[in-house]
């Protein structure tokens, strides 16, 4: 048990400063539905968990108000994007988010 378990669907991307970011799905041991978490690394070998710093969370209402999971992060034309699933493991939809800074 712990603050994060049941990890799945990691995506790793390099930052402009040469460090690395990883986004992934996880849930905790309290019964909370899946969320998207983040870990960071300077060298790609040692990682620091940053669950509250993923840049995305559940919405107040709508198709992604209960859970967000299965992130896929990619760069396109100078922007960093994330595709992700919403409630019911994507049953109610999937979305795309743009990272404000990277």
PDB file of N, CA and C in Angstrom:
ATOM      1  N   UNK A   1       0.830  -1.174   0.000  1.00  0.00           N
ATOM      2  CA  UNK A   1       0.000   0.000   0.000  1.00  0.00           C
ATOM      3  C   UNK A   1       0.883   1.249   0.000  1.00  0.00           C
ATOM      4  N   UNK A   2       0.298   2.361  -0.408  1.00  0.00           N
ATOM      5  CA  UNK A   2       1.065   3.588  -0.418  1.00  0.00           C
ATOM      6  C   UNK A   2       0.287   4.705  -1.061  1.00  0.00           C
ATOM      7  N   UNK A   3       0.953   5.836  -1.255  1.00  0.00           N
ATOM      8  CA  UNK A   3       0.267   6.982  -1.826  1.00  0.00           C
ATOM      9  C   UNK A   3      -0.006   6.820  -3.307  1.00  0.00           C
ATOM     10  N   UNK A   4       0.725   5.930  -3.974  1.00  0.00           N
ATOM     11  CA  UNK A   4       0.490   5.684  -5.395  1.00  0.00           C
ATOM     12  C   UNK A   4       0.760   4.215  -5.692  1.00  0.00           C
ATOM     13  N   UNK A   5      -0.175   3.592  -6.387  1.00  0.00           N
ATOM     14  CA  UNK A   5      -0.033   2.191  -6.771  1.00  0.00           C
ATOM     15  C   UNK A   5      -0.761   1.965  -8.084  1.00  0.00           C
ATOM     16  N   UNK A   6      -0.652   0.771  -8.613  1.00  0.00           N
ATOM     17  CA  UNK A   6      -1.329   0.393  -9.870  1.00  0.00           C
ATOM     18  C   UNK A   6      -0.935   1.322 -11.013  1.00  0.00           C
ATOM     19  N   UNK A   7       0.365   1.550 -11.159  1.00  0.00           N
ATOM     20  CA  UNK A   7       0.868   2.405 -12.239  1.00  0.00           C
ATOM     21  C   UNK A   7       0.592   1.777 -13.598  1.00  0.00           C
ATOM     22  N   UNK A   8       0.296   2.611 -14.593  1.00  0.00           N
ATOM     23  CA  UNK A   8       0.123   2.110 -15.960  1.00  0.00           C
ATOM     24  C   UNK A   8       0.340   3.226 -16.965  1.00  0.00           C
ATOM     25  N   UNK A   9       0.581   2.849 -18.175  1.00  0.00           N
ATOM     26  CA  UNK A   9       0.677   3.708 -19.349  1.00  0.00           C
ATOM     27  C   UNK A   9       1.655   4.884 -19.181  1.00  0.00           C
ATOM     28  N   UNK A  10       2.936   4.608 -18.857  1.00  0.00           N
ATOM     29  CA  UNK A  10       3.881   5.723 -18.746  1.00  0.00           C
ATOM     30  C   UNK A  10       4.279   6.297 -20.107  1.00  0.00           C
ATOM     31  N   UNK A  11       4.487   7.594 -20.143  1.00  0.00           N
ATOM     32  CA  UNK A  11       5.035   8.293 -21.305  1.00  0.00           C
ATOM     33  C   UNK A  11       6.184   9.157 -20.804  1.00  0.00           C
ATOM     34  N   UNK A  12       7.331   9.058 -21.450  1.00  0.00           N
ATOM     35  CA  UNK A  12       8.517   9.821 -21.059  1.00  0.00           C
ATOM     36  C   UNK A  12       8.861  10.810 -22.163  1.00  0.00           C
ATOM     37  N   UNK A  13       9.192  12.043 -21.773  1.00  0.00           N
ATOM     38  CA  UNK A  13       9.572  13.074 -22.741  1.00  0.00           C
ATOM     39  C   UNK A  13      10.693  13.915 -22.140  1.00  0.00           C
ATOM     40  N   UNK A  14      11.612  14.336 -22.996  1.00  0.00           N
ATOM     41  CA  UNK A  14      12.719  15.173 -22.537  1.00  0.00           C
ATOM     42  C   UNK A  14      12.303  16.632 -22.488  1.00  0.00           C
ATOM     43  N   UNK A  15      12.775  17.336 -21.450  1.00  0.00           N
ATOM     44  CA  UNK A  15      12.531  18.762 -21.317  1.00  0.00           C
ATOM     45  C   UNK A  15      13.610  19.551 -22.052  1.00  0.00           C
ATOM     46  N   UNK A  16      13.366  20.810 -22.279  1.00  0.00           N
ATOM     47  CA  UNK A  16      14.322  21.697 -22.945  1.00  0.00           C
ATOM     48  C   UNK A  16      15.623  21.819 -22.156  1.00  0.00           C
ATOM     49  N   UNK A  17      15.557  21.670 -20.816  1.00  0.00           N
ATOM     50  CA  UNK A  17      16.759  21.784 -19.990  1.00  0.00           C
ATOM     51  C   UNK A  17      17.574  20.490 -19.935  1.00  0.00           C
ATOM     52  N   UNK A  18      17.158  19.466 -20.686  1.00  0.00           N
ATOM     53  CA  UNK A  18      17.868  18.196 -20.724  1.00  0.00           C
ATOM     54  C   UNK A  18      17.356  17.168 -19.739  1.00  0.00           C
ATOM     55  N   UNK A  19      16.498  17.581 -18.812  1.00  0.00           N
ATOM     56  CA  UNK A  19      15.894  16.647 -17.862  1.00  0.00           C
ATOM     57  C   UNK A  19      14.758  15.875 -18.513  1.00  0.00           C
ATOM     58  N   UNK A  20      14.128  15.030 -17.725  1.00  0.00           N
ATOM     59  CA  UNK A  20      13.073  14.149 -18.235  1.00  0.00           C
ATOM     60  C   UNK A  20      11.816  14.265 -17.391  1.00  0.00           C
ATOM     61  N   UNK A  21      10.669  14.109 -18.027  1.00  0.00           N
ATOM     62  CA  UNK A  21       9.374  14.028 -17.359  1.00  0.00           C
ATOM     63  C   UNK A  21       8.714  12.719 -17.743  1.00  0.00           C
ATOM     64  N   UNK A  22       8.000  12.127 -16.806  1.00  0.00           N
ATOM     65  CA  UNK A  22       7.204  10.926 -17.066  1.00  0.00           C
ATOM     66  C   UNK A  22       5.807  11.162 -16.519  1.00  0.00           C
ATOM     67  N   UNK A  23       4.801  10.888 -17.325  1.00  0.00           N
ATOM     68  CA  UNK A  23       3.403  10.937 -16.893  1.00  0.00           C
ATOM     69  C   UNK A  23       2.863   9.518 -16.930  1.00  0.00           C
ATOM     70  N   UNK A  24       1.951   9.192 -16.030  1.00  0.00           N
ATOM     71  CA  UNK A  24       1.445   7.825 -15.909  1.00  0.00           C
ATOM     72  C   UNK A  24       0.103   7.851 -15.183  1.00  0.00           C
ATOM     73  N   UNK A  25      -0.638   6.770 -15.300  1.00  0.00           N
ATOM     74  CA  UNK A  25      -1.868   6.600 -14.524  1.00  0.00           C
ATOM     75  C   UNK A  25      -1.510   5.945 -13.199  1.00  0.00           C
ATOM     76  N   UNK A  26      -2.239   6.293 -12.153  1.00  0.00           N
ATOM     77  CA  UNK A  26      -2.071   5.649 -10.853  1.00  0.00           C
ATOM     78  C   UNK A  26      -3.357   5.817 -10.052  1.00  0.00           C
ATOM     79  N   UNK A  27      -3.473   5.035  -9.031  1.00  0.00           N
ATOM     80  CA  UNK A  27      -4.520   5.238  -8.034  1.00  0.00           C
ATOM     81  C   UNK A  27      -3.873   5.049  -6.676  1.00  0.00           C
ATOM     82  N   UNK A  28      -4.545   5.523  -5.642  1.00  0.00           N
ATOM     83  CA  UNK A  28      -3.976   5.349  -4.304  1.00  0.00           C
ATOM     84  C   UNK A  28      -4.713   4.235  -3.574  1.00  0.00           C
ATOM     85  N   UNK A  29      -4.366   4.006  -2.339  1.00  0.00           N
ATOM     86  CA  UNK A  29      -4.972   2.899  -1.597  1.00  0.00           C
ATOM     87  C   UNK A  29      -6.245   3.295  -0.850  1.00  0.00           C
ATOM     88  N   UNK A  30      -6.813   4.484  -1.163  1.00  0.00           N
ATOM     89  CA  UNK A  30      -8.040   4.927  -0.490  1.00  0.00           C
ATOM     90  C   UNK A  30      -9.292   4.662  -1.319  1.00  0.00           C
ATOM     91  N   UNK A  31      -9.130   4.100  -2.514  1.00  0.00           N
ATOM     92  CA  UNK A  31     -10.272   3.854  -3.377  1.00  0.00           C
ATOM     93  C   UNK A  31     -10.527   4.950  -4.386  1.00  0.00           C
ATOM     94  N   UNK A  32      -9.688   5.991  -4.392  1.00  0.00           N
ATOM     95  CA  UNK A  32      -9.814   7.051  -5.382  1.00  0.00           C
ATOM     96  C   UNK A  32      -9.616   6.460  -6.775  1.00  0.00           C
ATOM     97  N   UNK A  33     -10.382   6.923  -7.727  1.00  0.00           N
ATOM     98  CA  UNK A  33     -10.234   6.443  -9.098  1.00  0.00           C
ATOM     99  C   UNK A  33      -8.950   6.984  -9.700  1.00  0.00           C
ATOM    100  N   UNK A  34      -8.592   6.462 -10.850  1.00  0.00           N
ATOM    101  CA  UNK A  34      -7.305   6.797 -11.468  1.00  0.00           C
ATOM    102  C   UNK A  34      -7.113   8.295 -11.691  1.00  0.00           C
ATOM    103  N   UNK A  35      -5.879   8.706 -11.527  1.00  0.00           N
ATOM    104  CA  UNK A  35      -5.416  10.055 -11.789  1.00  0.00           C
ATOM    105  C   UNK A  35      -4.161   9.960 -12.650  1.00  0.00           C
ATOM    106  N   UNK A  36      -3.733  11.098 -13.176  1.00  0.00           N
ATOM    107  CA  UNK A  36      -2.482  11.156 -13.916  1.00  0.00           C
ATOM    108  C   UNK A  36      -1.434  11.763 -12.998  1.00  0.00           C
ATOM    109  N   UNK A  37      -0.336  11.067 -12.851  1.00  0.00           N
ATOM    110  CA  UNK A  37       0.765  11.528 -12.020  1.00  0.00           C
ATOM    111  C   UNK A  37       1.971  11.860 -12.876  1.00  0.00           C
ATOM    112  N   UNK A  38       2.990  12.378 -12.223  1.00  0.00           N
ATOM    113  CA  UNK A  38       4.206  12.776 -12.924  1.00  0.00           C
ATOM    114  C   UNK A  38       5.417  12.442 -12.072  1.00  0.00           C
ATOM    115  N   UNK A  39       6.509  12.126 -12.737  1.00  0.00           N
ATOM    116  CA  UNK A  39       7.805  11.966 -12.085  1.00  0.00           C
ATOM    117  C   UNK A  39       8.819  12.739 -12.924  1.00  0.00           C
ATOM    118  N   UNK A  40       9.885  13.218 -12.283  1.00  0.00           N
ATOM    119  CA  UNK A  40      10.907  13.970 -12.998  1.00  0.00           C
ATOM    120  C   UNK A  40      12.278  13.361 -12.729  1.00  0.00           C
ATOM    121  N   UNK A  41      13.185  13.591 -13.668  1.00  0.00           N
ATOM    122  CA  UNK A  41      14.549  13.087 -13.532  1.00  0.00           C
ATOM    123  C   UNK A  41      15.514  14.021 -14.238  1.00  0.00           C
ATOM    124  N   UNK A  42      16.693  14.170 -13.673  1.00  0.00           N
ATOM    125  CA  UNK A  42      17.740  14.942 -14.347  1.00  0.00           C
ATOM    126  C   UNK A  42      18.516  14.076 -15.325  1.00  0.00           C
ATOM    127  N   UNK A  43      18.652  12.779 -15.010  1.00  0.00           N
ATOM    128  CA  UNK A  43      19.509  11.907 -15.813  1.00  0.00           C
ATOM    129  C   UNK A  43      18.790  10.725 -16.456  1.00  0.00           C
ATOM    130  N   UNK A  44      17.508  10.539 -16.198  1.00  0.00           N
ATOM    131  CA  UNK A  44      16.768   9.410 -16.756  1.00  0.00           C
ATOM    132  C   UNK A  44      16.955   8.117 -15.978  1.00  0.00           C
ATOM    133  N   UNK A  45      17.718   8.157 -14.892  1.00  0.00           N
ATOM    134  CA  UNK A  45      17.953   6.954 -14.079  1.00  0.00           C
ATOM    135  C   UNK A  45      17.297   7.050 -12.700  1.00  0.00           C
ATOM    136  N   UNK A  46      17.451   8.211 -12.068  1.00  0.00           N
ATOM    137  CA  UNK A  46      16.850   8.416 -10.753  1.00  0.00           C
ATOM    138  C   UNK A  46      15.662   9.356 -10.907  1.00  0.00           C
ATOM    139  N   UNK A  47      14.510   8.931 -10.376  1.00  0.00           N
ATOM    140  CA  UNK A  47      13.265   9.657 -10.580  1.00  0.00           C
ATOM    141  C   UNK A  47      12.697  10.145  -9.254  1.00  0.00           C
ATOM    142  N   UNK A  48      12.077  11.316  -9.276  1.00  0.00           N
ATOM    143  CA  UNK A  48      11.374  11.874  -8.117  1.00  0.00           C
ATOM    144  C   UNK A  48       9.884  11.918  -8.433  1.00  0.00           C
ATOM    145  N   UNK A  49       9.085  11.328  -7.570  1.00  0.00           N
ATOM    146  CA  UNK A  49       7.639  11.296  -7.757  1.00  0.00           C
ATOM    147  C   UNK A  49       7.055  12.669  -7.466  1.00  0.00           C
ATOM    148  N   UNK A  50       6.222  13.176  -8.385  1.00  0.00           N
ATOM    149  CA  UNK A  50       5.583  14.489  -8.237  1.00  0.00           C
ATOM    150  C   UNK A  50       4.094  14.351  -8.588  1.00  0.00           C
ATOM    151  N   UNK A  51       3.377  13.613  -7.761  1.00  0.00           N
ATOM    152  CA  UNK A  51       1.980  13.281  -8.065  1.00  0.00           C
ATOM    153  C   UNK A  51       1.097  14.507  -8.214  1.00  0.00           C
ATOM    154  N   UNK A  52       1.320  15.518  -7.421  1.00  0.00           N
ATOM    155  CA  UNK A  52       0.465  16.714  -7.451  1.00  0.00           C
ATOM    156  C   UNK A  52       0.897  17.712  -8.519  1.00  0.00           C
ATOM    157  N   UNK A  53       1.926  17.391  -9.277  1.00  0.00           N
ATOM    158  CA  UNK A  53       2.488  18.314 -10.258  1.00  0.00           C
ATOM    159  C   UNK A  53       2.379  17.765 -11.689  1.00  0.00           C
ATOM    160  N   UNK A  54       1.290  17.055 -11.974  1.00  0.00           N
ATOM    161  CA  UNK A  54       1.121  16.461 -13.296  1.00  0.00           C
ATOM    162  C   UNK A  54       0.633  17.467 -14.331  1.00  0.00           C
ATOM    163  N   UNK A  55       0.039  18.566 -13.877  1.00  0.00           N
ATOM    164  CA  UNK A  55      -0.474  19.567 -14.801  1.00  0.00           C
ATOM    165  C   UNK A  55      -1.876  19.294 -15.280  1.00  0.00           C
ATOM    166  N   UNK A  56      -2.497  18.227 -14.760  1.00  0.00           N
ATOM    167  CA  UNK A  56      -3.865  17.890 -15.172  1.00  0.00           C
ATOM    168  C   UNK A  56      -4.548  17.131 -14.032  1.00  0.00           C
ATOM    169  N   UNK A  57      -5.845  17.367 -13.889  1.00  0.00           N
ATOM    170  CA  UNK A  57      -6.625  16.662 -12.879  1.00  0.00           C
ATOM    171  C   UNK A  57      -8.043  16.478 -13.370  1.00  0.00           C
ATOM    172  N   UNK A  58      -8.901  15.989 -12.514  1.00  0.00           N
ATOM    173  CA  UNK A  58     -10.300  15.804 -12.899  1.00  0.00           C
ATOM    174  C   UNK A  58     -10.996  17.163 -12.991  1.00  0.00           C
ATOM    175  N   UNK A  59     -12.015  17.228 -13.827  1.00  0.00           N
ATOM    176  CA  UNK A  59     -12.824  18.439 -13.971  1.00  0.00           C
ATOM    177  C   UNK A  59     -13.892  18.496 -12.882  1.00  0.00           C
ATOM    178  N   UNK A  60     -14.475  19.647 -12.690  1.00  0.00           N
ATOM    179  CA  UNK A  60     -15.551  19.796 -11.713  1.00  0.00           C
ATOM    180  C   UNK A  60     -16.807  19.030 -12.117  1.00  0.00           C
ATOM    181  N   UNK A  61     -17.028  18.905 -13.425  1.00  0.00           N
ATOM    182  CA  UNK A  61     -18.188  18.155 -13.942  1.00  0.00           C
ATOM    183  C   UNK A  61     -17.873  17.674 -15.345  1.00  0.00           C
ATOM    184  N   UNK A  62     -18.651  16.720 -15.831  1.00  0.00           N
ATOM    185  CA  UNK A  62     -18.506  16.273 -17.211  1.00  0.00           C
ATOM    186  C   UNK A  62     -17.794  14.940 -17.379  1.00  0.00           C
ATOM    187  N   UNK A  63     -17.354  14.692 -18.586  1.00  0.00           N
ATOM    188  CA  UNK A  63     -16.831  13.391 -19.009  1.00  0.00           C
ATOM    189  C   UNK A  63     -15.523  12.992 -18.334  1.00  0.00           C
ATOM    190  N   UNK A  64     -14.809  13.925 -17.706  1.00  0.00           N
ATOM    191  CA  UNK A  64     -13.567  13.587 -17.008  1.00  0.00           C
ATOM    192  C   UNK A  64     -13.586  14.092 -15.562  1.00  0.00           C
ATOM    193  N   UNK A  65     -14.763  14.039 -14.938  1.00  0.00           N
ATOM    194  CA  UNK A  65     -14.921  14.552 -13.575  1.00  0.00           C
ATOM    195  C   UNK A  65     -14.658  13.494 -12.507  1.00  0.00           C
ATOM    196  N   UNK A  66     -14.597  12.219 -12.879  1.00  0.00           N
ATOM    197  CA  UNK A  66     -14.362  11.151 -11.911  1.00  0.00           C
ATOM    198  C   UNK A  66     -12.949  10.593 -12.000  1.00  0.00           C
ATOM    199  N   UNK A  67     -12.436  10.499 -13.204  1.00  0.00           N
ATOM    200  CA  UNK A  67     -11.102   9.944 -13.375  1.00  0.00           C
ATOM    201  C   UNK A  67     -10.464  10.459 -14.650  1.00  0.00           C
ATOM    202  N   UNK A  68      -9.133  10.533 -14.629  1.00  0.00           N
ATOM    203  CA  UNK A  68      -8.315  10.814 -15.810  1.00  0.00           C
ATOM    204  C   UNK A  68      -7.197   9.785 -15.796  1.00  0.00           C
ATOM    205  N   UNK A  69      -6.933   9.168 -16.954  1.00  0.00           N
ATOM    206  CA  UNK A  69      -5.937   8.111 -16.991  1.00  0.00           C
ATOM    207  C   UNK A  69      -5.431   7.881 -18.408  1.00  0.00           C
ATOM    208  N   UNK A  70      -4.431   7.018 -18.499  1.00  0.00           N
ATOM    209  CA  UNK A  70      -3.808   6.580 -19.757  1.00  0.00           C
ATOM    210  C   UNK A  70      -3.261   7.743 -20.592  1.00  0.00           C
ATOM    211  N   UNK A  71      -2.370   8.543 -20.014  1.00  0.00           N
ATOM    212  CA  UNK A  71      -1.827   9.671 -20.773  1.00  0.00           C
ATOM    213  C   UNK A  71      -0.887   9.224 -21.888  1.00  0.00           C
ATOM    214  N   UNK A  72      -0.928   9.942 -22.983  1.00  0.00           N
ATOM    215  CA  UNK A  72       0.053   9.791 -24.052  1.00  0.00           C
ATOM    216  C   UNK A  72       0.534  11.195 -24.399  1.00  0.00           C
ATOM    217  N   UNK A  73       1.797  11.480 -24.140  1.00  0.00           N
ATOM    218  CA  UNK A  73       2.361  12.811 -24.324  1.00  0.00           C
ATOM    219  C   UNK A  73       3.211  12.829 -25.585  1.00  0.00           C
ATOM    220  N   UNK A  74       3.034  13.884 -26.384  1.00  0.00           N
ATOM    221  CA  UNK A  74       3.815  14.009 -27.618  1.00  0.00           C
ATOM    222  C   UNK A  74       3.999  15.486 -27.943  1.00  0.00           C
ATOM    223  N   UNK A  75       5.021  15.761 -28.739  1.00  0.00           N
ATOM    224  CA  UNK A  75       5.307  17.119 -29.198  1.00  0.00           C
ATOM    225  C   UNK A  75       4.899  17.258 -30.661  1.00  0.00           C
ATOM    226  N   UNK A  76       4.353  18.435 -30.997  1.00  0.00           N
ATOM    227  CA  UNK A  76       3.971  18.716 -32.381  1.00  0.00           C
ATOM    228  C   UNK A  76       4.083  20.222 -32.609  1.00  0.00           C
ATOM    229  N   UNK A  77       4.873  20.595 -33.587  1.00  0.00           N
ATOM    230  CA  UNK A  77       5.047  22.000 -33.964  1.00  0.00           C
ATOM    231  C   UNK A  77       5.337  22.921 -32.778  1.00  0.00           C
ATOM    232  N   UNK A  78       6.252  22.471 -31.929  1.00  0.00           N
ATOM    233  CA  UNK A  78       6.692  23.300 -30.818  1.00  0.00           C
ATOM    234  C   UNK A  78       5.808  23.288 -29.584  1.00  0.00           C
ATOM    235  N   UNK A  79       4.744  22.515 -29.598  1.00  0.00           N
ATOM    236  CA  UNK A  79       3.841  22.408 -28.452  1.00  0.00           C
ATOM    237  C   UNK A  79       3.889  20.984 -27.912  1.00  0.00           C
ATOM    238  N   UNK A  80       3.659  20.827 -26.623  1.00  0.00           N
ATOM    239  CA  UNK A  80       3.569  19.503 -26.004  1.00  0.00           C
ATOM    240  C   UNK A  80       2.103  19.233 -25.680  1.00  0.00           C
ATOM    241  N   UNK A  81       1.607  18.089 -26.120  1.00  0.00           N
ATOM    242  CA  UNK A  81       0.209  17.696 -25.959  1.00  0.00           C
ATOM    243  C   UNK A  81       0.093  16.419 -25.139  1.00  0.00           C
ATOM    244  N   UNK A  82      -1.075  16.229 -24.531  1.00  0.00           N
ATOM    245  CA  UNK A  82      -1.378  14.986 -23.843  1.00  0.00           C
ATOM    246  C   UNK A  82      -2.763  14.509 -24.271  1.00  0.00           C
ATOM    247  N   UNK A  83      -2.832  13.302 -24.790  1.00  0.00           N
ATOM    248  CA  UNK A  83      -4.100  12.615 -24.993  1.00  0.00           C
ATOM    249  C   UNK A  83      -4.377  11.821 -23.726  1.00  0.00           C
ATOM    250  N   UNK A  84      -5.628  11.777 -23.279  1.00  0.00           N
ATOM    251  CA  UNK A  84      -5.952  11.040 -22.067  1.00  0.00           C
ATOM    252  C   UNK A  84      -7.406  10.601 -22.090  1.00  0.00           C
ATOM    253  N   UNK A  85      -7.730   9.601 -21.288  1.00  0.00           N
ATOM    254  CA  UNK A  85      -9.090   9.084 -21.187  1.00  0.00           C
ATOM    255  C   UNK A  85      -9.778   9.658 -19.960  1.00  0.00           C
ATOM    256  N   UNK A  86     -11.107   9.702 -20.021  1.00  0.00           N
ATOM    257  CA  UNK A  86     -11.908  10.215 -18.916  1.00  0.00           C
ATOM    258  C   UNK A  86     -12.630   9.111 -18.169  1.00  0.00           C
ATOM    259  N   UNK A  87     -13.769   9.455 -17.583  1.00  0.00           N
ATOM    260  CA  UNK A  87     -14.552   8.539 -16.748  1.00  0.00           C
ATOM    261  C   UNK A  87     -14.736   7.182 -17.406  1.00  0.00           C
ATOM    262  N   UNK A  88     -14.762   6.143 -16.588  1.00  0.00           N
ATOM    263  CA  UNK A  88     -15.007   4.797 -17.088  1.00  0.00           C
ATOM    264  C   UNK A  88     -13.914   4.297 -18.018  1.00  0.00           C
ATOM    265  N   UNK A  89     -12.672   4.676 -17.769  1.00  0.00           N
ATOM    266  CA  UNK A  89     -11.523   4.261 -18.589  1.00  0.00           C
ATOM    267  C   UNK A  89     -11.684   4.711 -20.040  1.00  0.00           C
ATOM    268  N   UNK A  90     -12.303   5.859 -20.223  1.00  0.00           N
ATOM    269  CA  UNK A  90     -12.491   6.405 -21.561  1.00  0.00           C
ATOM    270  C   UNK A  90     -13.855   6.112 -22.155  1.00  0.00           C
ATOM    271  N   UNK A  91     -14.694   5.410 -21.427  1.00  0.00           N
ATOM    272  CA  UNK A  91     -16.038   5.082 -21.920  1.00  0.00           C
ATOM    273  C   UNK A  91     -16.827   6.345 -22.265  1.00  0.00           C
ATOM    274  N   UNK A  92     -16.610   7.414 -21.483  1.00  0.00           N
ATOM    275  CA  UNK A  92     -17.355   8.650 -21.702  1.00  0.00           C
ATOM    276  C   UNK A  92     -16.603   9.666 -22.523  1.00  0.00           C
ATOM    277  N   UNK A  93     -15.405   9.298 -22.991  1.00  0.00           N
ATOM    278  CA  UNK A  93     -14.675  10.187 -23.887  1.00  0.00           C
ATOM    279  C   UNK A  93     -13.187  10.236 -23.605  1.00  0.00           C
ATOM    280  N   UNK A  94     -12.483  10.869 -24.528  1.00  0.00           N
ATOM    281  CA  UNK A  94     -11.063  11.121 -24.336  1.00  0.00           C
ATOM    282  C   UNK A  94     -10.796  12.553 -24.744  1.00  0.00           C
ATOM    283  N   UNK A  95      -9.704  13.091 -24.261  1.00  0.00           N
ATOM    284  CA  UNK A  95      -9.422  14.503 -24.513  1.00  0.00           C
ATOM    285  C   UNK A  95      -7.997  14.739 -24.910  1.00  0.00           C
ATOM    286  N   UNK A  96      -7.749  15.991 -25.245  1.00  0.00           N
ATOM    287  CA  UNK A  96      -6.389  16.435 -25.540  1.00  0.00           C
ATOM    288  C   UNK A  96      -6.150  17.701 -24.741  1.00  0.00           C
ATOM    289  N   UNK A  97      -4.977  17.769 -24.126  1.00  0.00           N
ATOM    290  CA  UNK A  97      -4.589  18.940 -23.338  1.00  0.00           C
ATOM    291  C   UNK A  97      -3.281  19.470 -23.892  1.00  0.00           C
ATOM    292  N   UNK A  98      -3.080  20.772 -23.765  1.00  0.00           N
ATOM    293  CA  UNK A  98      -1.835  21.405 -24.213  1.00  0.00           C
ATOM    294  C   UNK A  98      -1.075  21.835 -22.976  1.00  0.00           C
ATOM    295  N   UNK A  99       0.186  21.433 -22.892  1.00  0.00           N
ATOM    296  CA  UNK A  99       1.033  21.863 -21.786  1.00  0.00           C
ATOM    297  C   UNK A  99       1.372  23.318 -21.956  1.00  0.00           C
ATOM    298  N   UNK A 100       1.120  24.108 -20.929  1.00  0.00           N
ATOM    299  CA  UNK A 100       1.327  25.557 -21.021  1.00  0.00           C
ATOM    300  C   UNK A 100       2.804  25.918 -21.197  1.00  0.00           C
ATOM    301  N   UNK A 101       3.699  25.214 -20.524  1.00  0.00           N
ATOM    302  CA  UNK A 101       5.142  25.466 -20.637  1.00  0.00           C
ATOM    303  C   UNK A 101       5.861  24.127 -20.657  1.00  0.00           C
ATOM    304  N   UNK A 102       6.956  24.081 -21.413  1.00  0.00           N
ATOM    305  CA  UNK A 102       7.840  22.903 -21.340  1.00  0.00           C
ATOM    306  C   UNK A 102       9.228  23.223 -21.796  1.00  0.00           C
TER     307      UNK A 102
END
